[in-house]
C-alpha atoms as a PDB file:
ATOM      1  CA  MET A   1       0.000   0.000   0.000  1.00  0.00           C
ATOM      2  CA  THR A   2       1.039   3.594  -0.530  1.00  0.00           C
ATOM      3  CA  ALA A   3       1.168   6.527   1.878  1.00  0.00           C
ATOM      4  CA  GLN A   4      -2.038   7.815   0.289  1.00  0.00           C
ATOM      5  CA  SER A   5      -3.726   4.426   0.847  1.00  0.00           C
ATOM      6  CA  PHE A   6      -2.911   4.535   4.558  1.00  0.00           C
ATOM      7  CA  MET A   7      -4.037   8.160   4.742  1.00  0.00           C
ATOM      8  CA  ASP A   8      -7.317   7.090   3.137  1.00  0.00           C
ATOM      9  CA  LEU A   9      -7.761   4.684   6.066  1.00  0.00           C
ATOM     10  CA  ALA A  10      -7.094   7.564   8.471  1.00  0.00           C
ATOM     11  CA  LEU A  11      -9.678   9.653   6.605  1.00  0.00           C
ATOM     12  CA  GLU A  12     -12.199   6.826   7.109  1.00  0.00           C
ATOM     13  CA  GLN A  13     -11.520   7.025  10.846  1.00  0.00           C
ATOM     14  CA  ALA A  14     -12.044  10.793  10.709  1.00  0.00           C
ATOM     15  CA  GLN A  15     -15.413  10.287   9.031  1.00  0.00           C
ATOM     16  CA  ILE A  16     -16.417   7.764  11.707  1.00  0.00           C
ATOM     17  CA  ALA A  17     -15.451  10.283  14.402  1.00  0.00           C
ATOM     18  CA  GLU A  18     -17.553  12.922  12.671  1.00  0.00           C
ATOM     19  CA  THR A  19     -20.650  10.701  12.765  1.00  0.00           C
ATOM     20  CA  SER A  20     -20.301  10.724  16.570  1.00  0.00           C
ATOM     21  CA  GLY A  21     -20.124  14.513  16.628  1.00  0.00           C
ATOM     22  CA  GLU A  22     -16.367  14.532  17.143  1.00  0.00           C
ATOM     23  CA  VAL A  23     -13.922  16.767  15.298  1.00  0.00           C
ATOM     24  CA  PRO A  24     -13.127  14.632  12.223  1.00  0.00           C
ATOM     25  CA  ILE A  25      -9.540  13.593  12.812  1.00  0.00           C
ATOM     26  CA  GLY A  26      -8.396  10.051  12.137  1.00  0.00           C
ATOM     27  CA  CYS A  27      -5.187   8.112  12.586  1.00  0.00           C
ATOM     28  CA  VAL A  28      -3.677   4.763  11.649  1.00  0.00           C
ATOM     29  CA  ILE A  29      -0.393   3.213  12.736  1.00  0.00           C
ATOM     30  CA  VAL A  30       1.387   0.852  10.377  1.00  0.00           C
ATOM     31  CA  ARG A  31       4.337  -1.505  10.740  1.00  0.00           C
ATOM     32  CA  ASP A  32       5.733  -3.589   7.884  1.00  0.00           C
ATOM     33  CA  GLY A  33       2.749  -2.684   5.712  1.00  0.00           C
ATOM     34  CA  LYS A  34       0.232  -3.957   8.305  1.00  0.00           C
ATOM     35  CA  VAL A  35      -2.206  -1.684  10.120  1.00  0.00           C
ATOM     36  CA  LEU A  36      -1.683  -2.157  13.867  1.00  0.00           C
ATOM     37  CA  ALA A  37      -4.136   0.465  15.092  1.00  0.00           C
ATOM     38  CA  ARG A  38      -6.789   2.853  13.890  1.00  0.00           C
ATOM     39  CA  ALA A  39      -8.711   5.514  15.752  1.00  0.00           C
ATOM     40  CA  GLY A  40     -10.666   8.698  15.424  1.00  0.00           C
ATOM     41  CA  ASN A  41     -11.062  11.511  17.920  1.00  0.00           C
ATOM     42  CA  ARG A  42     -13.166  10.536  20.957  1.00  0.00           C
ATOM     43  CA  THR A  43     -12.760  13.484  23.327  1.00  0.00           C
ATOM     44  CA  LEU A  44     -16.521  14.073  23.619  1.00  0.00           C
ATOM     45  CA  THR A  45     -17.511  10.418  23.571  1.00  0.00           C
ATOM     46  CA  ASP A  46     -14.996   9.432  26.243  1.00  0.00           C
ATOM     47  CA  LYS A  47     -15.237  12.758  28.105  1.00  0.00           C
ATOM     48  CA  ASP A  48     -11.435  12.747  27.962  1.00  0.00           C
ATOM     49  CA  PRO A  49      -9.420  15.717  26.676  1.00  0.00           C
ATOM     50  CA  THR A  50      -6.530  13.359  25.844  1.00  0.00           C
ATOM     51  CA  ALA A  51      -8.627  11.099  23.591  1.00  0.00           C
ATOM     52  CA  HIS A  52      -7.116  12.479  20.387  1.00  0.00           C
ATOM     53  CA  ALA A  53      -6.901  10.056  17.469  1.00  0.00           C
ATOM     54  CA  GLU A  54      -3.092   9.843  17.703  1.00  0.00           C
ATOM     55  CA  VAL A  55      -3.039   9.047  21.427  1.00  0.00           C
ATOM     56  CA  LEU A  56      -5.749   6.393  21.063  1.00  0.00           C
ATOM     57  CA  ALA A  57      -3.962   4.769  18.125  1.00  0.00           C
ATOM     58  CA  ILE A  58      -0.616   4.827  19.950  1.00  0.00           C
ATOM     59  CA  ARG A  59      -2.238   3.066  22.922  1.00  0.00           C
ATOM     60  CA  GLN A  60      -3.728   0.401  20.633  1.00  0.00           C
ATOM     61  CA  ALA A  61      -0.470  -0.186  18.769  1.00  0.00           C
ATOM     62  CA  ALA A  62       1.545  -0.390  22.005  1.00  0.00           C
ATOM     63  CA  HIS A  63      -0.902  -2.979  23.317  1.00  0.00           C
ATOM     64  CA  ALA A  64      -0.767  -4.942  20.040  1.00  0.00           C
ATOM     65  CA  LEU A  65       3.043  -5.017  20.108  1.00  0.00           C
ATOM     66  CA  GLY A  66       3.339  -5.467  23.862  1.00  0.00           C
ATOM     67  CA  SER A  67       5.738  -2.531  24.073  1.00  0.00           C
ATOM     68  CA  GLU A  68       5.648   1.192  24.779  1.00  0.00           C
ATOM     69  CA  ARG A  69       8.159   1.688  21.962  1.00  0.00           C
ATOM     70  CA  LEU A  70       6.687   1.669  18.479  1.00  0.00           C
ATOM     71  CA  VAL A  71       9.995   1.322  16.686  1.00  0.00           C
ATOM     72  CA  ASP A  72       9.655   0.883  12.911  1.00  0.00           C
ATOM     73  CA  CYS A  73       6.060   2.128  13.037  1.00  0.00           C
ATOM     74  CA  ASP A  74       4.620   4.858  10.864  1.00  0.00           C
ATOM     75  CA  LEU A  75       1.752   7.093  11.958  1.00  0.00           C
ATOM     76  CA  TYR A  76      -0.740   8.609   9.511  1.00  0.00           C
ATOM     77  CA  VAL A  77      -3.031  11.350  10.807  1.00  0.00           C
ATOM     78  CA  THR A  78      -5.379  13.672   8.972  1.00  0.00           C
ATOM     79  CA  LEU A  79      -4.349  16.850  10.824  1.00  0.00           C
ATOM     80  CA  GLU A  80      -0.975  18.170  11.963  1.00  0.00           C
ATOM     81  CA  PRO A  81      -0.529  16.889  15.544  1.00  0.00           C
ATOM     82  CA  CYS A  82      -0.877  19.189  18.541  1.00  0.00           C
ATOM     83  CA  THR A  83       1.841  19.484  21.181  1.00  0.00           C
ATOM     84  CA  MET A  84       0.393  16.661  23.309  1.00  0.00           C
ATOM     85  CA  CYS A  85       0.236  14.293  20.354  1.00  0.00           C
ATOM     86  CA  ALA A  86       3.685  15.294  19.085  1.00  0.00           C
ATOM     87  CA  ALA A  87       5.094  14.455  22.526  1.00  0.00           C
ATOM     88  CA  ALA A  88       3.316  11.091  22.512  1.00  0.00           C
ATOM     89  CA  ILE A  89       4.710  10.372  19.029  1.00  0.00           C
ATOM     90  CA  SER A  90       8.196  11.220  20.289  1.00  0.00           C
ATOM     91  CA  PHE A  91       7.909   9.105  23.442  1.00  0.00           C
ATOM     92  CA  ALA A  92       6.582   6.168  21.386  1.00  0.00           C
ATOM     93  CA  ARG A  93       9.581   6.446  19.043  1.00  0.00           C
ATOM     94  CA  ILE A  94       7.394   6.525  15.924  1.00  0.00           C
ATOM     95  CA  ARG A  95       9.638   6.212  12.859  1.00  0.00           C
ATOM     96  CA  ARG A  96       7.676   8.324  10.370  1.00  0.00           C
ATOM     97  CA  LEU A  97       4.850  10.824  10.723  1.00  0.00           C
ATOM     98  CA  TYR A  98       2.576  11.499   7.764  1.00  0.00           C
ATOM     99  CA  TYR A  99      -0.074  14.174   8.197  1.00  0.00           C
ATOM    100  CA  GLY A 100      -2.734  15.648   5.967  1.00  0.00           C
ATOM    101  CA  ALA A 101      -3.782  19.215   6.679  1.00  0.00           C
ATOM    102  CA  ALA A 102      -1.580  21.769   8.406  1.00  0.00           C
ATOM    103  CA  ASP A 103      -2.948  23.319  11.600  1.00  0.00           C
ATOM    104  CA  PRO A 104      -1.520  26.832  11.944  1.00  0.00           C
ATOM    105  CA  LYS A 105      -3.562  27.450  15.121  1.00  0.00           C
ATOM    106  CA  GLY A 106      -3.015  24.227  17.083  1.00  0.00           C
ATOM    107  CA  GLY A 107      -0.355  22.244  15.253  1.00  0.00           C
ATOM    108  CA  ALA A 108       3.044  21.622  16.817  1.00  0.00           C
ATOM    109  CA  VAL A 109       5.061  19.989  14.030  1.00  0.00           C
ATOM    110  CA  ASP A 110       5.557  22.607  11.319  1.00  0.00           C
ATOM    111  CA  SER A 111       3.405  25.205  13.075  1.00  0.00           C
ATOM    112  CA  GLY A 112       3.406  26.649  16.575  1.00  0.00           C
ATOM    113  CA  VAL A 113       6.043  25.289  18.945  1.00  0.00           C
ATOM    114  CA  ARG A 114       7.608  22.935  16.356  1.00  0.00           C
ATOM    115  CA  PHE A 115       8.009  20.288  19.020  1.00  0.00           C
ATOM    116  CA  PHE A 116      10.375  17.996  17.135  1.00  0.00           C
ATOM    117  CA  ALA A 117      12.875  20.831  16.638  1.00  0.00           C
ATOM    118  CA  SER A 118      13.011  21.523  20.375  1.00  0.00           C
ATOM    119  CA  PRO A 119      16.288  20.692  22.124  1.00  0.00           C
ATOM    120  CA  THR A 120      14.272  18.848  24.794  1.00  0.00           C
ATOM    121  CA  CYS A 121      12.708  16.474  22.246  1.00  0.00           C
ATOM    122  CA  HIS A 122      14.157  12.993  22.758  1.00  0.00           C
ATOM    123  CA  HIS A 123      13.133  11.535  19.395  1.00  0.00           C
ATOM    124  CA  ALA A 124      11.959  13.148  16.172  1.00  0.00           C
ATOM    125  CA  PRO A 125      10.298  11.082  13.450  1.00  0.00           C
ATOM    126  CA  GLU A 126      10.780  11.635   9.759  1.00  0.00           C
ATOM    127  CA  ILE A 127       7.995  14.043   8.797  1.00  0.00           C
ATOM    128  CA  TYR A 128       5.911  13.928   5.617  1.00  0.00           C
ATOM    129  CA  PRO A 129       3.313  16.735   5.517  1.00  0.00           C
ATOM    130  CA  SER A 130       0.430  17.298   3.099  1.00  0.00           C
ATOM    131  CA  VAL A 131      -0.459  13.645   2.392  1.00  0.00           C
ATOM    132  CA  GLY A 132      -4.144  13.744   1.498  1.00  0.00           C
ATOM    133  CA  GLU A 133      -4.178  17.402   2.439  1.00  0.00           C
ATOM    134  CA  SER A 134      -7.136  18.524   0.339  1.00  0.00           C
ATOM    135  CA  GLU A 135      -9.388  15.689   1.548  1.00  0.00           C
ATOM    136  CA  ALA A 136      -8.440  16.201   5.192  1.00  0.00           C
ATOM    137  CA  ALA A 137      -8.799  19.984   5.022  1.00  0.00           C
ATOM    138  CA  GLY A 138     -12.143  19.688   3.238  1.00  0.00           C
ATOM    139  CA  LEU A 139     -13.506  17.340   5.876  1.00  0.00           C
ATOM    140  CA  LEU A 140     -12.540  19.751   8.654  1.00  0.00           C
ATOM    141  CA  LYS A 141     -13.800  22.868   6.836  1.00  0.00           C
ATOM    142  CA  ASN A 142     -17.176  21.264   6.154  1.00  0.00           C
ATOM    143  CA  PHE A 143     -17.451  20.066   9.764  1.00  0.00           C
ATOM    144  CA  PHE A 144     -16.844  23.524  11.228  1.00  0.00           C
ATOM    145  CA  LYS A 145     -18.876  25.320   8.552  1.00  0.00           C
ATOM    146  CA  ALA A 146     -21.916  23.215   9.489  1.00  0.00           C
ATOM    147  CA  ARG A 147     -21.543  24.280  13.133  1.00  0.00           C
ATOM    148  CA  ARG A 148     -21.275  28.019  12.559  1.00  0.00           C
END
């Protein structure tokens, strides 16, 4: 499968999250071409401010591998990760991060604090922005437009 194929799976998770009234963000974690975890945002559903798609998927993948280190794993997420999620990606030792839409307001990879460039960051993944960007951005724009 290609990076776009895995991002399409993350977009499916975002759409599932949206049907629950969640902000449509989805994530998948892949190792050796196999999807280990998939999740969409569940902050409202779980009444948990940490239930971002990335954190939920990292928890699932760690459980599946029986390790807190997700070495050789790639994470695909529809929106540029926030600071909390960037830290979780770093602590999990994710190999590659692919994200769809940039988030100038809340992102922490290429926007905002640029977490992975911080001298206190223990591990920085390879970063591949703008994978499936138009689809991810469109999903988010339509979601927020419908609520305004």
